[in-house]
PDB file of all heavy atoms in Angstrom:
ATOM      1  N   ARG A   1     -98.905  81.265  13.396  1.00  0.00           N
ATOM      2  CA  ARG A   1     -98.025  82.317  12.823  1.00  0.00           C
ATOM      3  C   ARG A   1     -97.477  81.844  11.460  1.00  0.00           C
ATOM      4  O   ARG A   1     -97.041  80.716  11.315  1.00  0.00           O
ATOM      5  CB  ARG A   1     -96.853  82.567  13.759  1.00  0.00           C
ATOM      6  CG  ARG A   1     -96.088  83.813  13.374  1.00  0.00           C
ATOM      7  CD  ARG A   1     -94.745  84.003  14.068  1.00  0.00           C
ATOM      8  NE  ARG A   1     -94.439  83.286  15.283  1.00  0.00           N
ATOM      9  CZ  ARG A   1     -93.245  83.230  15.843  1.00  0.00           C
ATOM     10  NH1 ARG A   1     -92.255  83.972  15.321  1.00  0.00           N
ATOM     11  NH2 ARG A   1     -93.023  82.567  16.931  1.00  0.00           N
ATOM     12  N   MET A   2     -97.475  82.724  10.494  1.00  0.00           N
ATOM     13  CA  MET A   2     -96.972  82.375   9.168  1.00  0.00           C
ATOM     14  C   MET A   2     -95.474  82.385   9.146  1.00  0.00           C
ATOM     15  O   MET A   2     -94.791  83.093   9.955  1.00  0.00           O
ATOM     16  CB  MET A   2     -97.506  83.402   8.153  1.00  0.00           C
ATOM     17  CG  MET A   2     -99.011  83.418   7.973  1.00  0.00           C
ATOM     18  SD  MET A   2     -99.658  81.872   7.248  1.00  0.00           S
ATOM     19  CE  MET A   2    -100.307  81.048   8.676  1.00  0.00           C
ATOM     20  N   LEU A   3     -94.873  81.580   8.260  1.00  0.00           N
ATOM     21  CA  LEU A   3     -93.483  81.555   8.114  1.00  0.00           C
ATOM     22  C   LEU A   3     -92.977  82.803   7.312  1.00  0.00           C
ATOM     23  O   LEU A   3     -93.791  83.440   6.620  1.00  0.00           O
ATOM     24  CB  LEU A   3     -93.044  80.303   7.372  1.00  0.00           C
ATOM     25  CG  LEU A   3     -93.294  79.004   8.155  1.00  0.00           C
ATOM     26  CD1 LEU A   3     -92.973  77.780   7.275  1.00  0.00           C
ATOM     27  CD2 LEU A   3     -92.479  78.974   9.451  1.00  0.00           C
ATOM     28  N   PRO A   4     -91.710  83.185   7.416  1.00  0.00           N
ATOM     29  CA  PRO A   4     -91.276  84.393   6.752  1.00  0.00           C
ATOM     30  C   PRO A   4     -91.265  84.210   5.241  1.00  0.00           C
ATOM     31  O   PRO A   4     -91.147  83.128   4.693  1.00  0.00           O
ATOM     32  CB  PRO A   4     -89.815  84.530   7.281  1.00  0.00           C
ATOM     33  CG  PRO A   4     -89.434  83.245   7.726  1.00  0.00           C
ATOM     34  CD  PRO A   4     -90.648  82.578   8.248  1.00  0.00           C
ATOM     35  N   PRO A   5     -91.377  85.327   4.491  1.00  0.00           N
ATOM     36  CA  PRO A   5     -91.322  85.253   3.023  1.00  0.00           C
ATOM     37  C   PRO A   5     -89.942  84.852   2.550  1.00  0.00           C
ATOM     38  O   PRO A   5     -88.970  84.792   3.339  1.00  0.00           O
ATOM     39  CB  PRO A   5     -91.714  86.671   2.573  1.00  0.00           C
ATOM     40  CG  PRO A   5     -91.416  87.508   3.706  1.00  0.00           C
ATOM     41  CD  PRO A   5     -91.682  86.679   4.941  1.00  0.00           C
ATOM     42  N   GLU A   6     -89.851  84.607   1.280  1.00  0.00           N
ATOM     43  CA  GLU A   6     -88.618  84.046   0.690  1.00  0.00           C
ATOM     44  C   GLU A   6     -87.428  84.978   0.902  1.00  0.00           C
ATOM     45  O   GLU A   6     -86.311  84.557   1.180  1.00  0.00           O
ATOM     46  CB  GLU A   6     -88.818  83.813  -0.790  1.00  0.00           C
ATOM     47  CG  GLU A   6     -87.630  83.056  -1.453  1.00  0.00           C
ATOM     48  CD  GLU A   6     -87.911  82.744  -2.892  1.00  0.00           C
ATOM     49  OE1 GLU A   6     -89.050  82.970  -3.323  1.00  0.00           O
ATOM     50  OE2 GLU A   6     -86.986  82.249  -3.580  1.00  0.00           O
ATOM     51  N   ASP A   7     -87.641  86.311   0.811  1.00  0.00           N
ATOM     52  CA  ASP A   7     -86.506  87.218   0.952  1.00  0.00           C
ATOM     53  C   ASP A   7     -86.050  87.443   2.352  1.00  0.00           C
ATOM     54  O   ASP A   7     -84.981  88.021   2.570  1.00  0.00           O
ATOM     55  CB  ASP A   7     -86.869  88.591   0.349  1.00  0.00           C
ATOM     56  CG  ASP A   7     -88.115  89.212   1.029  1.00  0.00           C
ATOM     57  OD1 ASP A   7     -88.964  88.424   1.494  1.00  0.00           O
ATOM     58  OD2 ASP A   7     -88.228  90.437   1.023  1.00  0.00           O
ATOM     59  N   LEU A   8     -86.817  86.904   3.338  1.00  0.00           N
ATOM     60  CA  LEU A   8     -86.391  87.020   4.742  1.00  0.00           C
ATOM     61  C   LEU A   8     -85.875  85.681   5.355  1.00  0.00           C
ATOM     62  O   LEU A   8     -85.453  85.669   6.515  1.00  0.00           O
ATOM     63  CB  LEU A   8     -87.527  87.567   5.610  1.00  0.00           C
ATOM     64  CG  LEU A   8     -87.933  89.037   5.389  1.00  0.00           C
ATOM     65  CD1 LEU A   8     -89.093  89.418   6.298  1.00  0.00           C
ATOM     66  CD2 LEU A   8     -86.738  89.948   5.651  1.00  0.00           C
ATOM     67  N   VAL A   9     -86.006  84.622   4.624  1.00  0.00           N
ATOM     68  CA  VAL A   9     -85.609  83.328   5.144  1.00  0.00           C
ATOM     69  C   VAL A   9     -84.105  83.295   5.486  1.00  0.00           C
ATOM     70  O   VAL A   9     -83.709  82.751   6.548  1.00  0.00           O
ATOM     71  CB  VAL A   9     -85.948  82.200   4.116  1.00  0.00           C
ATOM     72  CG1 VAL A   9     -85.309  80.863   4.515  1.00  0.00           C
ATOM     73  CG2 VAL A   9     -87.471  82.050   3.980  1.00  0.00           C
ATOM     74  N   ARG A  10     -83.273  83.954   4.617  1.00  0.00           N
ATOM     75  CA  ARG A  10     -81.835  83.914   4.886  1.00  0.00           C
ATOM     76  C   ARG A  10     -81.531  84.644   6.227  1.00  0.00           C
ATOM     77  O   ARG A  10     -80.590  84.182   6.957  1.00  0.00           O
ATOM     78  CB  ARG A  10     -81.119  84.592   3.750  1.00  0.00           C
ATOM     79  CG  ARG A  10     -79.628  84.706   3.957  1.00  0.00           C
ATOM     80  CD  ARG A  10     -78.908  85.253   2.690  1.00  0.00           C
ATOM     81  NE  ARG A  10     -79.120  84.444   1.544  1.00  0.00           N
ATOM     82  CZ  ARG A  10     -78.600  84.743   0.376  1.00  0.00           C
ATOM     83  NH1 ARG A  10     -77.919  85.861   0.196  1.00  0.00           N
ATOM     84  NH2 ARG A  10     -78.787  83.938  -0.691  1.00  0.00           N
ATOM     85  N   TYR A  11     -82.241  85.752   6.483  1.00  0.00           N
ATOM     86  CA  TYR A  11     -81.953  86.456   7.774  1.00  0.00           C
ATOM     87  C   TYR A  11     -82.321  85.674   8.972  1.00  0.00           C
ATOM     88  O   TYR A  11     -81.557  85.641   9.933  1.00  0.00           O
ATOM     89  CB  TYR A  11     -82.754  87.813   7.696  1.00  0.00           C
ATOM     90  CG  TYR A  11     -82.453  88.677   8.935  1.00  0.00           C
ATOM     91  CD1 TYR A  11     -81.384  89.569   8.922  1.00  0.00           C
ATOM     92  CD2 TYR A  11     -83.276  88.600  10.087  1.00  0.00           C
ATOM     93  CE1 TYR A  11     -81.138  90.399  10.040  1.00  0.00           C
ATOM     94  CE2 TYR A  11     -82.971  89.379  11.175  1.00  0.00           C
ATOM     95  CZ  TYR A  11     -81.961  90.249  11.160  1.00  0.00           C
ATOM     96  OH  TYR A  11     -81.672  91.082  12.230  1.00  0.00           O
ATOM     97  N   TYR A  12     -83.528  85.039   8.953  1.00  0.00           N
ATOM     98  CA  TYR A  12     -84.023  84.366  10.183  1.00  0.00           C
ATOM     99  C   TYR A  12     -83.471  82.934  10.306  1.00  0.00           C
ATOM    100  O   TYR A  12     -83.713  82.285  11.346  1.00  0.00           O
ATOM    101  CB  TYR A  12     -85.493  84.331  10.195  1.00  0.00           C
ATOM    102  CG  TYR A  12     -86.104  85.699  10.420  1.00  0.00           C
ATOM    103  CD1 TYR A  12     -86.781  86.350   9.417  1.00  0.00           C
ATOM    104  CD2 TYR A  12     -85.963  86.309  11.654  1.00  0.00           C
ATOM    105  CE1 TYR A  12     -87.310  87.634   9.630  1.00  0.00           C
ATOM    106  CE2 TYR A  12     -86.502  87.598  11.866  1.00  0.00           C
ATOM    107  CZ  TYR A  12     -87.166  88.233  10.866  1.00  0.00           C
ATOM    108  OH  TYR A  12     -87.682  89.495  11.076  1.00  0.00           O
ATOM    109  N   THR A  13     -82.675  82.465   9.338  1.00  0.00           N
ATOM    110  CA  THR A  13     -82.024  81.173   9.480  1.00  0.00           C
ATOM    111  C   THR A  13     -80.519  81.377   9.776  1.00  0.00           C
ATOM    112  O   THR A  13     -79.745  80.410   9.874  1.00  0.00           O
ATOM    113  CB  THR A  13     -82.169  80.303   8.236  1.00  0.00           C
ATOM    114  OG1 THR A  13     -81.753  81.105   7.067  1.00  0.00           O
ATOM    115  CG2 THR A  13     -83.621  79.916   8.028  1.00  0.00           C
ATOM    116  N   ASP A  14     -80.074  82.626   9.855  1.00  0.00           N
ATOM    117  CA  ASP A  14     -78.679  82.922  10.155  1.00  0.00           C
ATOM    118  C   ASP A  14     -78.403  83.022  11.643  1.00  0.00           C
ATOM    119  O   ASP A  14     -79.081  83.746  12.357  1.00  0.00           O
ATOM    120  CB  ASP A  14     -78.279  84.275   9.472  1.00  0.00           C
ATOM    121  CG  ASP A  14     -76.812  84.475   9.446  1.00  0.00           C
ATOM    122  OD1 ASP A  14     -76.059  83.744  10.122  1.00  0.00           O
ATOM    123  OD2 ASP A  14     -76.349  85.422   8.727  1.00  0.00           O
ATOM    124  N   ALA A  15     -77.455  82.232  12.118  1.00  0.00           N
ATOM    125  CA  ALA A  15     -77.158  82.177  13.565  1.00  0.00           C
ATOM    126  C   ALA A  15     -76.562  83.503  14.046  1.00  0.00           C
ATOM    127  O   ALA A  15     -76.735  83.901  15.199  1.00  0.00           O
ATOM    128  CB  ALA A  15     -76.222  81.047  13.899  1.00  0.00           C
ATOM    129  N   ARG A  16     -75.897  84.218  13.176  1.00  0.00           N
ATOM    130  CA  ARG A  16     -75.293  85.525  13.551  1.00  0.00           C
ATOM    131  C   ARG A  16     -76.320  86.547  13.876  1.00  0.00           C
ATOM    132  O   ARG A  16     -76.123  87.451  14.681  1.00  0.00           O
ATOM    133  CB  ARG A  16     -74.377  86.042  12.409  1.00  0.00           C
ATOM    134  CG  ARG A  16     -73.098  85.191  12.222  1.00  0.00           C
ATOM    135  CD  ARG A  16     -72.364  85.662  11.021  1.00  0.00           C
ATOM    136  NE  ARG A  16     -73.134  85.492   9.804  1.00  0.00           N
ATOM    137  CZ  ARG A  16     -72.735  85.867   8.559  1.00  0.00           C
ATOM    138  NH1 ARG A  16     -71.576  86.429   8.444  1.00  0.00           N
ATOM    139  NH2 ARG A  16     -73.491  85.695   7.513  1.00  0.00           N
ATOM    140  N   ASN A  17     -77.535  86.406  13.296  1.00  0.00           N
ATOM    141  CA  ASN A  17     -78.656  87.320  13.609  1.00  0.00           C
ATOM    142  C   ASN A  17     -79.517  86.800  14.716  1.00  0.00           C
ATOM    143  O   ASN A  17     -80.541  87.415  15.062  1.00  0.00           O
ATOM    144  CB  ASN A  17     -79.525  87.518  12.360  1.00  0.00           C
ATOM    145  CG  ASN A  17     -78.725  88.119  11.241  1.00  0.00           C
ATOM    146  OD1 ASN A  17     -77.826  88.954  11.387  1.00  0.00           O
ATOM    147  ND2 ASN A  17     -79.055  87.720   9.980  1.00  0.00           N
ATOM    148  N   ARG A  18     -79.159  85.612  15.263  1.00  0.00           N
ATOM    149  CA  ARG A  18     -79.891  84.947  16.313  1.00  0.00           C
ATOM    150  C   ARG A  18     -81.320  84.625  15.859  1.00  0.00           C
ATOM    151  O   ARG A  18     -82.322  84.865  16.560  1.00  0.00           O
ATOM    152  CB  ARG A  18     -79.975  85.746  17.608  1.00  0.00           C
ATOM    153  CG  ARG A  18     -78.589  86.184  18.164  1.00  0.00           C
ATOM    154  CD  ARG A  18     -77.723  84.953  18.498  1.00  0.00           C
ATOM    155  NE  ARG A  18     -76.503  85.367  19.134  1.00  0.00           N
ATOM    156  CZ  ARG A  18     -75.345  85.615  18.528  1.00  0.00           C
ATOM    157  NH1 ARG A  18     -75.283  85.439  17.215  1.00  0.00           N
ATOM    158  NH2 ARG A  18     -74.272  85.965  19.156  1.00  0.00           N
ATOM    159  N   GLY A  19     -81.430  84.226  14.552  1.00  0.00           N
ATOM    160  CA  GLY A  19     -82.755  83.888  13.993  1.00  0.00           C
ATOM    161  C   GLY A  19     -83.448  82.749  14.690  1.00  0.00           C
ATOM    162  O   GLY A  19     -82.766  81.772  15.128  1.00  0.00           O
ATOM    163  N   TYR A  20     -84.738  82.787  14.741  1.00  0.00           N
ATOM    164  CA  TYR A  20     -85.515  81.747  15.436  1.00  0.00           C
ATOM    165  C   TYR A  20     -85.545  80.462  14.624  1.00  0.00           C
ATOM    166  O   TYR A  20     -85.971  79.440  15.137  1.00  0.00           O
ATOM    167  CB  TYR A  20     -86.886  82.213  15.746  1.00  0.00           C
ATOM    168  CG  TYR A  20     -87.873  82.378  14.602  1.00  0.00           C
ATOM    169  CD1 TYR A  20     -89.050  81.643  14.539  1.00  0.00           C
ATOM    170  CD2 TYR A  20     -87.593  83.263  13.529  1.00  0.00           C
ATOM    171  CE1 TYR A  20     -89.933  81.765  13.531  1.00  0.00           C
ATOM    172  CE2 TYR A  20     -88.461  83.415  12.501  1.00  0.00           C
ATOM    173  CZ  TYR A  20     -89.630  82.662  12.476  1.00  0.00           C
ATOM    174  OH  TYR A  20     -90.520  82.795  11.402  1.00  0.00           O
ATOM    175  N   LEU A  21     -85.137  80.489  13.330  1.00  0.00           N
ATOM    176  CA  LEU A  21     -85.107  79.288  12.540  1.00  0.00           C
ATOM    177  C   LEU A  21     -83.694  78.775  12.385  1.00  0.00           C
ATOM    178  O   LEU A  21     -83.468  77.815  11.596  1.00  0.00           O
ATOM    179  CB  LEU A  21     -85.706  79.593  11.112  1.00  0.00           C
ATOM    180  CG  LEU A  21     -87.169  80.063  11.142  1.00  0.00           C
ATOM    181  CD1 LEU A  21     -87.590  80.351   9.690  1.00  0.00           C
ATOM    182  CD2 LEU A  21     -88.067  79.000  11.714  1.00  0.00           C
ATOM    183  N   ALA A  22     -82.754  79.367  13.072  1.00  0.00           N
ATOM    184  CA  ALA A  22     -81.339  78.936  12.965  1.00  0.00           C
ATOM    185  C   ALA A  22     -81.055  77.629  13.756  1.00  0.00           C
ATOM    186  O   ALA A  22     -81.819  77.344  14.707  1.00  0.00           O
ATOM    187  CB  ALA A  22     -80.393  80.032  13.441  1.00  0.00           C
ATOM    188  N   ASP A  23     -80.015  76.935  13.418  1.00  0.00           N
ATOM    189  CA  ASP A  23     -79.661  75.703  14.110  1.00  0.00           C
ATOM    190  C   ASP A  23     -79.114  76.103  15.523  1.00  0.00           C
ATOM    191  O   ASP A  23     -78.220  76.959  15.592  1.00  0.00           O
ATOM    192  CB  ASP A  23     -78.555  75.057  13.339  1.00  0.00           C
ATOM    193  CG  ASP A  23     -78.193  73.673  13.897  1.00  0.00           C
ATOM    194  OD1 ASP A  23     -78.742  73.310  14.994  1.00  0.00           O
ATOM    195  OD2 ASP A  23     -77.382  72.970  13.313  1.00  0.00           O
ATOM    196  N   PRO A  24     -79.626  75.524  16.611  1.00  0.00           N
ATOM    197  CA  PRO A  24     -79.200  75.917  17.962  1.00  0.00           C
ATOM    198  C   PRO A  24     -77.690  75.721  18.149  1.00  0.00           C
ATOM    199  O   PRO A  24     -77.063  76.505  18.910  1.00  0.00           O
ATOM    200  CB  PRO A  24     -80.018  75.012  18.882  1.00  0.00           C
ATOM    201  CG  PRO A  24     -81.245  74.673  18.071  1.00  0.00           C
ATOM    202  CD  PRO A  24     -80.749  74.607  16.634  1.00  0.00           C
ATOM    203  N   SER A  25     -77.085  74.699  17.528  1.00  0.00           N
ATOM    204  CA  SER A  25     -75.676  74.484  17.730  1.00  0.00           C
ATOM    205  C   SER A  25     -74.868  75.594  17.073  1.00  0.00           C
ATOM    206  O   SER A  25     -73.840  76.038  17.628  1.00  0.00           O
ATOM    207  CB  SER A  25     -75.255  73.135  17.147  1.00  0.00           C
ATOM    208  OG  SER A  25     -75.547  73.089  15.761  1.00  0.00           O
ATOM    209  N   LYS A  26     -75.322  76.096  15.954  1.00  0.00           N
ATOM    210  CA  LYS A  26     -74.653  77.203  15.276  1.00  0.00           C
ATOM    211  C   LYS A  26     -74.851  78.510  16.008  1.00  0.00           C
ATOM    212  O   LYS A  26     -73.946  79.358  16.020  1.00  0.00           O
ATOM    213  CB  LYS A  26     -75.162  77.293  13.831  1.00  0.00           C
ATOM    214  CG  LYS A  26     -74.747  76.144  12.907  1.00  0.00           C
ATOM    215  CD  LYS A  26     -75.251  76.414  11.493  1.00  0.00           C
ATOM    216  CE  LYS A  26     -74.796  75.207  10.576  1.00  0.00           C
ATOM    217  NZ  LYS A  26     -75.249  75.477   9.181  1.00  0.00           N
ATOM    218  N   VAL A  27     -75.961  78.640  16.700  1.00  0.00           N
ATOM    219  CA  VAL A  27     -76.212  79.836  17.522  1.00  0.00           C
ATOM    220  C   VAL A  27     -75.214  79.861  18.663  1.00  0.00           C
ATOM    221  O   VAL A  27     -74.626  80.928  19.003  1.00  0.00           O
ATOM    222  CB  VAL A  27     -77.633  79.877  18.059  1.00  0.00           C
ATOM    223  CG1 VAL A  27     -77.798  80.983  19.078  1.00  0.00           C
ATOM    224  CG2 VAL A  27     -78.617  80.061  16.882  1.00  0.00           C
ATOM    225  N   ALA A  28     -74.957  78.711  19.306  1.00  0.00           N
ATOM    226  CA  ALA A  28     -73.946  78.663  20.357  1.00  0.00           C
ATOM    227  C   ALA A  28     -72.588  79.033  19.918  1.00  0.00           C
ATOM    228  O   ALA A  28     -71.803  79.707  20.564  1.00  0.00           O
ATOM    229  CB  ALA A  28     -73.988  77.243  21.002  1.00  0.00           C
ATOM    230  N   GLU A  29     -72.242  78.528  18.697  1.00  0.00           N
ATOM    231  CA  GLU A  29     -70.937  78.918  18.101  1.00  0.00           C
ATOM    232  C   GLU A  29     -70.853  80.405  17.824  1.00  0.00           C
ATOM    233  O   GLU A  29     -69.814  81.078  18.019  1.00  0.00           O
ATOM    234  CB  GLU A  29     -70.651  78.120  16.830  1.00  0.00           C
ATOM    235  CG  GLU A  29     -70.537  76.610  17.105  1.00  0.00           C
ATOM    236  CD  GLU A  29     -70.412  75.876  15.779  1.00  0.00           C
ATOM    237  OE1 GLU A  29     -70.422  76.495  14.736  1.00  0.00           O
ATOM    238  OE2 GLU A  29     -70.308  74.632  15.814  1.00  0.00           O
ATOM    239  N   ALA A  30     -71.980  80.989  17.302  1.00  0.00           N
ATOM    240  CA  ALA A  30     -71.978  82.404  16.982  1.00  0.00           C
ATOM    241  C   ALA A  30     -71.845  83.259  18.238  1.00  0.00           C
ATOM    242  O   ALA A  30     -71.241  84.329  18.250  1.00  0.00           O
ATOM    243  CB  ALA A  30     -73.254  82.719  16.243  1.00  0.00           C
ATOM    244  N   ARG A  31     -72.420  82.775  19.339  1.00  0.00           N
ATOM    245  CA  ARG A  31     -72.321  83.521  20.625  1.00  0.00           C
ATOM    246  C   ARG A  31     -70.839  83.566  21.058  1.00  0.00           C
ATOM    247  O   ARG A  31     -70.385  84.630  21.528  1.00  0.00           O
ATOM    248  CB  ARG A  31     -73.170  82.804  21.712  1.00  0.00           C
ATOM    249  CG  ARG A  31     -74.658  83.062  21.557  1.00  0.00           C
ATOM    250  CD  ARG A  31     -75.443  82.126  22.471  1.00  0.00           C
ATOM    251  NE  ARG A  31     -75.064  82.262  23.865  1.00  0.00           N
ATOM    252  CZ  ARG A  31     -75.640  83.075  24.735  1.00  0.00           C
ATOM    253  NH1 ARG A  31     -76.628  83.867  24.278  1.00  0.00           N
ATOM    254  NH2 ARG A  31     -75.264  83.139  25.989  1.00  0.00           N
ATOM    255  N   LEU A  32     -70.126  82.470  20.925  1.00  0.00           N
ATOM    256  CA  LEU A  32     -68.741  82.448  21.303  1.00  0.00           C
ATOM    257  C   LEU A  32     -67.861  83.368  20.387  1.00  0.00           C
ATOM    258  O   LEU A  32     -66.949  84.050  20.833  1.00  0.00           O
ATOM    259  CB  LEU A  32     -68.201  80.998  21.269  1.00  0.00           C
ATOM    260  CG  LEU A  32     -68.708  80.105  22.363  1.00  0.00           C
ATOM    261  CD1 LEU A  32     -68.199  78.651  22.099  1.00  0.00           C
ATOM    262  CD2 LEU A  32     -68.225  80.562  23.735  1.00  0.00           C
ATOM    263  N   GLU A  33     -68.175  83.280  19.103  1.00  0.00           N
ATOM    264  CA  GLU A  33     -67.423  84.180  18.130  1.00  0.00           C
ATOM    265  C   GLU A  33     -67.604  85.630  18.457  1.00  0.00           C
ATOM    266  O   GLU A  33     -66.677  86.447  18.375  1.00  0.00           O
ATOM    267  CB  GLU A  33     -67.876  83.858  16.727  1.00  0.00           C
ATOM    268  CG  GLU A  33     -67.475  82.478  16.218  1.00  0.00           C
ATOM    269  CD  GLU A  33     -67.929  82.161  14.827  1.00  0.00           C
ATOM    270  OE1 GLU A  33     -68.579  83.094  14.230  1.00  0.00           O
ATOM    271  OE2 GLU A  33     -67.680  81.082  14.340  1.00  0.00           O
ATOM    272  N   LEU A  34     -68.879  86.014  18.796  1.00  0.00           N
ATOM    273  CA  LEU A  34     -69.162  87.413  19.066  1.00  0.00           C
ATOM    274  C   LEU A  34     -68.485  87.846  20.387  1.00  0.00           C
ATOM    275  O   LEU A  34     -67.994  88.970  20.475  1.00  0.00           O
ATOM    276  CB  LEU A  34     -70.675  87.622  19.210  1.00  0.00           C
ATOM    277  CG  LEU A  34     -71.158  89.054  19.167  1.00  0.00           C
ATOM    278  CD1 LEU A  34     -70.825  89.759  17.865  1.00  0.00           C
ATOM    279  CD2 LEU A  34     -72.654  89.118  19.398  1.00  0.00           C
ATOM    280  N   ALA A  35     -68.346  86.930  21.355  1.00  0.00           N
ATOM    281  CA  ALA A  35     -67.689  87.292  22.602  1.00  0.00           C
ATOM    282  C   ALA A  35     -66.191  87.462  22.387  1.00  0.00           C
ATOM    283  O   ALA A  35     -65.607  88.374  22.925  1.00  0.00           O
ATOM    284  CB  ALA A  35     -67.900  86.154  23.621  1.00  0.00           C
ATOM    285  N   LYS A  36     -65.614  86.657  21.471  1.00  0.00           N
ATOM    286  CA  LYS A  36     -64.179  86.874  21.154  1.00  0.00           C
ATOM    287  C   LYS A  36     -63.977  88.170  20.372  1.00  0.00           C
ATOM    288  O   LYS A  36     -62.936  88.843  20.588  1.00  0.00           O
ATOM    289  CB  LYS A  36     -63.713  85.715  20.291  1.00  0.00           C
ATOM    290  CG  LYS A  36     -63.637  84.359  21.040  1.00  0.00           C
ATOM    291  CD  LYS A  36     -63.194  83.280  20.151  1.00  0.00           C
ATOM    292  CE  LYS A  36     -63.156  81.904  20.883  1.00  0.00           C
ATOM    293  NZ  LYS A  36     -62.737  80.784  19.920  1.00  0.00           N
ATOM    294  N   LYS A  37     -64.921  88.521  19.532  1.00  0.00           N
ATOM    295  CA  LYS A  37     -64.752  89.713  18.705  1.00  0.00           C
ATOM    296  C   LYS A  37     -64.797  90.980  19.586  1.00  0.00           C
ATOM    297  O   LYS A  37     -63.982  91.898  19.347  1.00  0.00           O
ATOM    298  CB  LYS A  37     -65.896  89.783  17.705  1.00  0.00           C
ATOM    299  CG  LYS A  37     -65.856  91.015  16.773  1.00  0.00           C
ATOM    300  CD  LYS A  37     -66.965  90.971  15.728  1.00  0.00           C
ATOM    301  CE  LYS A  37     -66.914  92.252  14.874  1.00  0.00           C
ATOM    302  NZ  LYS A  37     -67.956  92.226  13.827  1.00  0.00           N
ATOM    303  N   TYR A  38     -65.629  91.020  20.588  1.00  0.00           N
ATOM    304  CA  TYR A  38     -65.798  92.224  21.436  1.00  0.00           C
ATOM    305  C   TYR A  38     -64.996  92.080  22.740  1.00  0.00           C
ATOM    306  O   TYR A  38     -65.026  93.030  23.569  1.00  0.00           O
ATOM    307  CB  TYR A  38     -67.258  92.522  21.729  1.00  0.00           C
ATOM    308  CG  TYR A  38     -67.986  93.097  20.522  1.00  0.00           C
ATOM    309  CD1 TYR A  38     -68.663  92.305  19.641  1.00  0.00           C
ATOM    310  CD2 TYR A  38     -67.931  94.470  20.269  1.00  0.00           C
ATOM    311  CE1 TYR A  38     -69.322  92.833  18.545  1.00  0.00           C
ATOM    312  CE2 TYR A  38     -68.611  95.046  19.167  1.00  0.00           C
ATOM    313  CZ  TYR A  38     -69.285  94.171  18.304  1.00  0.00           C
ATOM    314  OH  TYR A  38     -69.929  94.717  17.222  1.00  0.00           O
TER     315      TYR A  38
END
């Protein structure tokens, strides 16, 4: 599978979007923040 183009790298490395290239530790933090928000 090819890697995303340059204009989509920011989206798929963002933990708030649950991107597959995001840092797993930041994804866990984003999950907690979203739970507090809702």
